[in-house]
Amino acid sequence: MASEQIFNVDSQSFEDQVLGADSPVLVDFWATWCGPCRMVAPVLDELADEYDGRLRIAKLDVDHAQDVAVRYGVQGIPHFILFKDGEIAGRMTGAAPKMQFQAFLDDHV
């Protein structure tokens, strides 16, 4: 089951919902055809619930928001960028186990 804490962004809503957010936002750059993207989705659901109140998770479909992916240098997916106060605080590429995401997030949140 998908977490209610995860929200979708696109080219039009990215600036307001990610760069203008009051809390850190982890953006999942993904695509529907990407197997590793689908594999990591349950981990993101768990993290969204565990970090609720400290972090938000957004999904951005690179096929529908190529301009945003290009702007942030996303060349492979899944790719994760953590934004804090409108700036990049960190990035990860590739599907990873939950513990690796937790270590990454705990370093920045």
Foldseek 3Di string as FASTA:
>chain_A
DAAPLEEEDAQVCCCCPALVDPAKEKEFAAAPVDPQSVVQRVLVRVVSVVCPPHYGYYYYHCVRHVVVCVVVVPDAPRKIFIDGNNHTPDIDHTRDDSVVVVVVVVVRD
